[in-house]
Amino acid sequence: MASILRVNTLTDASSNNSTAMSTINQGTAKAWGNTSGVGTPALADSFNMGSVTDLGTGGERFTFSSAMANANFSTQAFLDHNSSIVTIQQIPDYGQSTTTTSVQSHTTSAAVDADVHTTVHGDLA
């Protein structure tokens, strides 16, 4: 049988440090994923990410298992590409929505495929 613990605030044993449950709920990552993005991207490990789609060289679209409340969430990502200097950016033009987010990785001269590690913060639907 499942149990429910209902609290308004979590506090440490000495009651010196406390945090409202709303802060904990709003501050946790709502999705994250680790892809092997060289060649055809695939999720190596993830939470609330159902799939990753190849958008061509350097581009990946992540589809969430549970939708976000709106498309105003924040996507952070970093990558691994043969120790080269590579940047990554979120690409709303590729269709960011309540169910997807996209990123693109590139060097100073061209888009490149890379292993991408991404995290999403925002409100779930």
N, C-alpha and C. Protein backbone atom coordinates (compact mmCIF):
# COMPACT_ATOMS: atom_id res chain seq x y z
N MET A 1 0.83 -1.17 0.00
CA MET A 1 0.00 0.00 0.00
C MET A 1 0.89 1.24 0.00
N ALA A 2 0.57 2.20 -0.83
CA ALA A 2 1.36 3.43 -0.95
C ALA A 2 1.07 4.36 0.23
N SER A 3 2.07 5.12 0.59
CA SER A 3 1.93 6.11 1.67
C SER A 3 2.14 7.50 1.12
N ILE A 4 1.54 8.49 1.77
CA ILE A 4 1.71 9.89 1.40
C ILE A 4 2.21 10.64 2.63
N LEU A 5 3.26 11.39 2.45
CA LEU A 5 3.81 12.24 3.49
C LEU A 5 3.47 13.67 3.12
N ARG A 6 2.66 14.34 3.91
CA ARG A 6 2.22 15.70 3.61
C ARG A 6 2.87 16.67 4.58
N VAL A 7 3.72 17.54 4.03
CA VAL A 7 4.40 18.55 4.85
C VAL A 7 4.43 19.86 4.10
N ASN A 8 4.51 20.96 4.84
CA ASN A 8 4.64 22.27 4.23
C ASN A 8 6.09 22.70 4.14
N THR A 9 6.90 22.26 5.11
CA THR A 9 8.29 22.69 5.19
C THR A 9 9.16 21.53 5.64
N LEU A 10 10.36 21.42 5.05
CA LEU A 10 11.36 20.46 5.51
C LEU A 10 12.39 21.24 6.31
N THR A 11 12.83 20.66 7.42
CA THR A 11 13.82 21.33 8.25
C THR A 11 14.86 20.32 8.71
N ASP A 12 16.07 20.83 9.07
CA ASP A 12 17.09 19.93 9.58
C ASP A 12 16.79 19.58 11.04
N ALA A 13 17.56 18.68 11.63
CA ALA A 13 17.30 18.19 12.98
C ALA A 13 17.32 19.29 14.03
N SER A 14 18.13 20.34 13.84
CA SER A 14 18.21 21.42 14.82
C SER A 14 17.20 22.53 14.54
N SER A 15 16.43 22.40 13.49
CA SER A 15 15.44 23.40 13.05
C SER A 15 16.06 24.75 12.69
N ASN A 16 17.35 24.74 12.35
CA ASN A 16 18.02 25.98 11.96
C ASN A 16 17.85 26.28 10.47
N ASN A 17 17.69 25.27 9.67
CA ASN A 17 17.58 25.45 8.22
C ASN A 17 16.32 24.77 7.74
N SER A 18 15.47 25.53 7.07
CA SER A 18 14.23 24.95 6.56
C SER A 18 13.98 25.43 5.13
N THR A 19 13.22 24.63 4.42
CA THR A 19 12.89 24.94 3.03
C THR A 19 11.44 24.58 2.78
N ALA A 20 10.73 25.50 2.15
CA ALA A 20 9.33 25.23 1.81
C ALA A 20 9.26 24.18 0.71
N MET A 21 8.27 23.34 0.74
CA MET A 21 8.11 22.29 -0.26
C MET A 21 7.96 22.89 -1.67
N SER A 22 7.34 24.07 -1.77
CA SER A 22 7.19 24.70 -3.09
C SER A 22 8.56 25.03 -3.69
N THR A 23 9.52 25.40 -2.86
CA THR A 23 10.87 25.69 -3.35
C THR A 23 11.53 24.42 -3.85
N ILE A 24 11.35 23.35 -3.14
CA ILE A 24 11.94 22.07 -3.57
C ILE A 24 11.30 21.62 -4.88
N ASN A 25 9.99 21.72 -4.98
CA ASN A 25 9.29 21.30 -6.20
C ASN A 25 9.71 22.16 -7.39
N GLN A 26 9.79 23.46 -7.23
CA GLN A 26 10.13 24.36 -8.34
C GLN A 26 11.60 24.28 -8.72
N GLY A 27 12.47 23.90 -7.77
CA GLY A 27 13.90 23.94 -8.02
C GLY A 27 14.52 22.67 -8.57
N THR A 28 13.76 21.61 -8.66
CA THR A 28 14.34 20.35 -9.15
C THR A 28 14.26 20.27 -10.67
N ALA A 29 15.21 19.55 -11.24
CA ALA A 29 15.20 19.33 -12.69
C ALA A 29 13.97 18.51 -13.06
N LYS A 30 13.29 18.91 -14.13
CA LYS A 30 12.10 18.20 -14.58
C LYS A 30 12.43 17.16 -15.65
N ALA A 31 13.62 17.29 -16.23
CA ALA A 31 14.08 16.29 -17.20
C ALA A 31 15.59 16.43 -17.34
N TRP A 32 16.25 15.32 -17.65
CA TRP A 32 17.68 15.35 -17.98
C TRP A 32 17.98 14.17 -18.87
N GLY A 33 19.03 14.33 -19.67
CA GLY A 33 19.42 13.24 -20.56
C GLY A 33 20.89 13.30 -20.89
N ASN A 34 21.44 12.14 -21.17
CA ASN A 34 22.83 11.98 -21.56
C ASN A 34 22.79 11.18 -22.85
N THR A 35 23.26 11.80 -23.95
CA THR A 35 23.21 11.10 -25.22
C THR A 35 24.60 10.75 -25.72
N SER A 36 24.65 9.68 -26.47
CA SER A 36 25.82 9.41 -27.29
C SER A 36 25.43 9.95 -28.66
N GLY A 37 25.90 11.16 -28.96
CA GLY A 37 25.41 11.88 -30.13
C GLY A 37 26.27 11.80 -31.36
N VAL A 38 27.34 11.03 -31.30
CA VAL A 38 28.17 10.89 -32.49
C VAL A 38 27.54 9.81 -33.36
N GLY A 39 27.25 10.15 -34.60
CA GLY A 39 26.49 9.25 -35.46
C GLY A 39 25.01 9.45 -35.18
N THR A 40 24.29 8.38 -35.01
CA THR A 40 22.87 8.47 -34.67
C THR A 40 22.75 8.63 -33.16
N PRO A 41 22.17 9.75 -32.68
CA PRO A 41 22.10 9.96 -31.24
C PRO A 41 21.18 8.95 -30.56
N ALA A 42 21.55 8.57 -29.35
CA ALA A 42 20.75 7.65 -28.54
C ALA A 42 20.88 8.07 -27.09
N LEU A 43 19.82 7.91 -26.33
CA LEU A 43 19.87 8.21 -24.90
C LEU A 43 20.65 7.12 -24.19
N ALA A 44 21.73 7.52 -23.52
CA ALA A 44 22.49 6.57 -22.71
C ALA A 44 21.84 6.42 -21.34
N ASP A 45 21.31 7.53 -20.82
CA ASP A 45 20.59 7.54 -19.55
C ASP A 45 19.74 8.80 -19.53
N SER A 46 18.61 8.77 -18.81
CA SER A 46 17.74 9.94 -18.81
C SER A 46 16.69 9.85 -17.72
N PHE A 47 16.03 11.00 -17.49
CA PHE A 47 14.85 11.10 -16.63
C PHE A 47 13.86 11.97 -17.36
N ASN A 48 12.65 11.51 -17.56
CA ASN A 48 11.57 12.22 -18.25
C ASN A 48 11.93 12.59 -19.68
N MET A 49 12.81 11.86 -20.31
CA MET A 49 13.08 12.03 -21.74
C MET A 49 12.79 10.70 -22.41
N GLY A 50 11.81 10.71 -23.27
CA GLY A 50 11.40 9.48 -23.92
C GLY A 50 12.24 9.11 -25.12
N SER A 51 12.76 10.15 -25.83
CA SER A 51 13.54 9.86 -27.03
C SER A 51 14.38 11.07 -27.41
N VAL A 52 15.35 10.82 -28.29
CA VAL A 52 16.16 11.87 -28.90
C VAL A 52 16.12 11.66 -30.41
N THR A 53 16.00 12.76 -31.15
CA THR A 53 15.92 12.71 -32.60
C THR A 53 17.11 13.45 -33.20
N ASP A 54 17.72 12.88 -34.22
CA ASP A 54 18.82 13.52 -34.93
C ASP A 54 18.26 14.59 -35.85
N LEU A 55 18.75 15.83 -35.70
CA LEU A 55 18.30 16.94 -36.55
C LEU A 55 19.38 17.32 -37.57
N GLY A 56 20.25 16.39 -37.87
CA GLY A 56 21.36 16.69 -38.77
C GLY A 56 22.60 16.95 -37.93
N THR A 57 23.70 17.26 -38.57
CA THR A 57 24.96 17.43 -37.87
C THR A 57 24.83 18.45 -36.75
N GLY A 58 25.13 18.03 -35.53
CA GLY A 58 25.13 18.90 -34.37
C GLY A 58 23.78 19.15 -33.72
N GLY A 59 22.69 18.76 -34.33
CA GLY A 59 21.35 19.05 -33.79
C GLY A 59 20.68 17.83 -33.20
N GLU A 60 20.08 18.02 -32.02
CA GLU A 60 19.33 16.95 -31.38
C GLU A 60 18.05 17.52 -30.78
N ARG A 61 16.94 16.79 -30.93
CA ARG A 61 15.67 17.17 -30.31
C ARG A 61 15.33 16.10 -29.27
N PHE A 62 15.04 16.57 -28.05
CA PHE A 62 14.65 15.68 -26.96
C PHE A 62 13.14 15.76 -26.79
N THR A 63 12.49 14.61 -26.67
CA THR A 63 11.05 14.55 -26.43
C THR A 63 10.82 14.08 -25.01
N PHE A 64 10.03 14.86 -24.26
CA PHE A 64 9.76 14.55 -22.86
C PHE A 64 8.72 13.44 -22.72
N SER A 65 8.86 12.63 -21.70
CA SER A 65 7.85 11.61 -21.40
C SER A 65 6.61 12.27 -20.79
N SER A 66 6.81 13.27 -19.93
CA SER A 66 5.72 14.06 -19.35
C SER A 66 5.91 15.50 -19.79
N ALA A 67 4.85 16.11 -20.30
CA ALA A 67 4.94 17.46 -20.88
C ALA A 67 5.21 18.54 -19.82
N MET A 68 5.81 19.62 -20.29
CA MET A 68 6.00 20.81 -19.48
C MET A 68 4.70 21.62 -19.52
N ALA A 69 4.51 22.53 -18.56
CA ALA A 69 3.29 23.33 -18.48
C ALA A 69 3.20 24.33 -19.64
N ASN A 70 4.36 24.83 -20.10
CA ASN A 70 4.40 25.76 -21.22
C ASN A 70 5.79 25.66 -21.85
N ALA A 71 6.04 26.43 -22.88
CA ALA A 71 7.33 26.37 -23.59
C ALA A 71 8.34 27.37 -23.05
N ASN A 72 8.09 27.92 -21.85
CA ASN A 72 8.98 28.92 -21.26
C ASN A 72 9.94 28.31 -20.24
N PHE A 73 10.36 27.09 -20.46
CA PHE A 73 11.29 26.43 -19.55
C PHE A 73 12.73 26.72 -19.97
N SER A 74 13.67 26.34 -19.15
CA SER A 74 15.08 26.59 -19.41
C SER A 74 15.80 25.28 -19.69
N THR A 75 16.58 25.28 -20.76
CA THR A 75 17.38 24.11 -21.12
C THR A 75 18.86 24.46 -20.96
N GLN A 76 19.59 23.66 -20.21
CA GLN A 76 21.03 23.82 -20.08
C GLN A 76 21.67 22.57 -20.66
N ALA A 77 22.81 22.74 -21.31
CA ALA A 77 23.48 21.58 -21.89
C ALA A 77 24.98 21.80 -21.93
N PHE A 78 25.71 20.71 -21.85
CA PHE A 78 27.14 20.73 -22.11
C PHE A 78 27.46 19.48 -22.90
N LEU A 79 28.64 19.43 -23.47
CA LEU A 79 28.93 18.31 -24.36
C LEU A 79 30.37 17.88 -24.30
N ASP A 80 30.61 16.75 -24.91
CA ASP A 80 31.95 16.18 -25.01
C ASP A 80 32.21 15.89 -26.48
N HIS A 81 33.26 16.54 -27.01
CA HIS A 81 33.60 16.33 -28.41
C HIS A 81 35.12 16.34 -28.58
N ASN A 82 35.73 15.22 -28.33
CA ASN A 82 37.16 15.04 -28.57
C ASN A 82 38.03 16.15 -27.98
N SER A 83 37.66 16.68 -26.83
CA SER A 83 38.41 17.73 -26.16
C SER A 83 38.57 18.99 -27.01
N SER A 84 37.74 19.20 -28.00
CA SER A 84 37.79 20.40 -28.83
C SER A 84 36.97 21.51 -28.18
N ILE A 85 37.23 22.73 -28.59
CA ILE A 85 36.41 23.85 -28.11
C ILE A 85 35.11 23.82 -28.90
N VAL A 86 34.03 23.58 -28.19
CA VAL A 86 32.73 23.44 -28.83
C VAL A 86 31.72 24.23 -28.01
N THR A 87 30.80 24.89 -28.67
CA THR A 87 29.73 25.59 -27.97
C THR A 87 28.42 24.86 -28.24
N ILE A 88 27.46 25.13 -27.40
CA ILE A 88 26.14 24.51 -27.56
C ILE A 88 25.09 25.57 -27.33
N GLN A 89 24.01 25.48 -28.04
CA GLN A 89 22.95 26.46 -27.86
C GLN A 89 21.60 25.78 -27.97
N GLN A 90 20.62 26.37 -27.31
CA GLN A 90 19.26 25.89 -27.43
C GLN A 90 18.72 26.43 -28.75
N ILE A 91 17.96 25.64 -29.46
CA ILE A 91 17.46 26.10 -30.75
C ILE A 91 15.94 26.04 -30.81
N PRO A 92 15.28 27.11 -30.36
CA PRO A 92 13.81 27.13 -30.41
C PRO A 92 13.27 27.00 -31.83
N ASP A 93 14.05 27.42 -32.83
CA ASP A 93 13.59 27.32 -34.22
C ASP A 93 13.34 25.88 -34.63
N TYR A 94 13.93 24.93 -33.93
CA TYR A 94 13.72 23.52 -34.25
C TYR A 94 12.47 22.97 -33.58
N GLY A 95 11.67 23.82 -32.98
CA GLY A 95 10.39 23.37 -32.48
C GLY A 95 10.28 23.15 -30.99
N GLN A 96 10.90 24.00 -30.16
CA GLN A 96 10.71 23.86 -28.72
C GLN A 96 9.23 24.02 -28.40
N SER A 97 8.72 23.11 -27.61
CA SER A 97 7.31 23.13 -27.25
C SER A 97 7.17 22.54 -25.86
N THR A 98 5.96 22.29 -25.44
CA THR A 98 5.74 21.69 -24.13
C THR A 98 6.23 20.25 -24.06
N THR A 99 6.49 19.65 -25.22
CA THR A 99 6.92 18.25 -25.25
C THR A 99 8.33 18.04 -25.81
N THR A 100 8.99 19.10 -26.29
CA THR A 100 10.33 18.95 -26.86
C THR A 100 11.23 20.14 -26.56
N THR A 101 12.52 19.89 -26.59
CA THR A 101 13.54 20.93 -26.60
C THR A 101 14.65 20.47 -27.52
N SER A 102 15.36 21.41 -28.12
CA SER A 102 16.40 21.06 -29.08
C SER A 102 17.68 21.82 -28.76
N VAL A 103 18.80 21.19 -29.06
CA VAL A 103 20.11 21.83 -28.89
C VAL A 103 20.96 21.59 -30.13
N GLN A 104 21.94 22.47 -30.34
CA GLN A 104 22.87 22.31 -31.45
C GLN A 104 24.28 22.56 -30.94
N SER A 105 25.22 21.74 -31.35
CA SER A 105 26.62 21.90 -30.97
C SER A 105 27.44 22.24 -32.20
N HIS A 106 28.43 23.13 -31.99
CA HIS A 106 29.27 23.52 -33.12
C HIS A 106 30.60 24.08 -32.64
N THR A 107 31.60 23.98 -33.50
CA THR A 107 32.89 24.61 -33.26
C THR A 107 32.80 26.03 -33.80
N THR A 108 33.90 26.73 -33.82
CA THR A 108 33.87 28.09 -34.37
C THR A 108 33.60 28.10 -35.86
N SER A 109 33.76 26.96 -36.52
CA SER A 109 33.59 26.96 -37.98
C SER A 109 32.47 26.07 -38.51
N ALA A 110 31.99 25.10 -37.72
CA ALA A 110 30.99 24.18 -38.27
C ALA A 110 30.24 23.45 -37.17
N ALA A 111 29.04 22.99 -37.51
CA ALA A 111 28.27 22.14 -36.60
C ALA A 111 28.97 20.80 -36.48
N VAL A 112 28.92 20.20 -35.27
CA VAL A 112 29.56 18.90 -35.04
C VAL A 112 28.65 18.02 -34.19
N ASP A 113 28.72 16.72 -34.43
CA ASP A 113 28.03 15.78 -33.56
C ASP A 113 28.87 15.60 -32.30
N ALA A 114 28.19 15.47 -31.16
CA ALA A 114 28.88 15.32 -29.88
C ALA A 114 27.98 14.60 -28.90
N ASP A 115 28.57 14.10 -27.81
CA ASP A 115 27.78 13.55 -26.72
C ASP A 115 27.22 14.74 -25.93
N VAL A 116 25.91 14.80 -25.78
CA VAL A 116 25.25 15.94 -25.15
C VAL A 116 24.66 15.53 -23.81
N HIS A 117 24.85 16.37 -22.82
CA HIS A 117 24.28 16.19 -21.49
C HIS A 117 23.37 17.40 -21.24
N THR A 118 22.07 17.18 -21.10
CA THR A 118 21.14 18.30 -21.01
C THR A 118 20.23 18.17 -19.80
N THR A 119 19.83 19.32 -19.25
CA THR A 119 18.94 19.39 -18.09
C THR A 119 17.86 20.44 -18.38
N VAL A 120 16.64 20.17 -17.94
CA VAL A 120 15.52 21.09 -18.16
C VAL A 120 14.91 21.46 -16.82
N HIS A 121 14.74 22.77 -16.60
CA HIS A 121 14.07 23.29 -15.41
C HIS A 121 12.84 24.07 -15.85
N GLY A 122 11.76 23.93 -15.13
CA GLY A 122 10.51 24.62 -15.43
C GLY A 122 9.38 23.90 -14.71
N ASP A 123 8.16 24.14 -15.14
CA ASP A 123 6.99 23.55 -14.51
C ASP A 123 6.44 22.42 -15.37
N LEU A 124 6.17 21.29 -14.75
CA LEU A 124 5.50 20.21 -15.47
C LEU A 124 4.01 20.53 -15.58
N ALA A 125 3.40 19.98 -16.61
CA ALA A 125 1.95 20.20 -16.81
C ALA A 125 1.15 19.53 -15.72
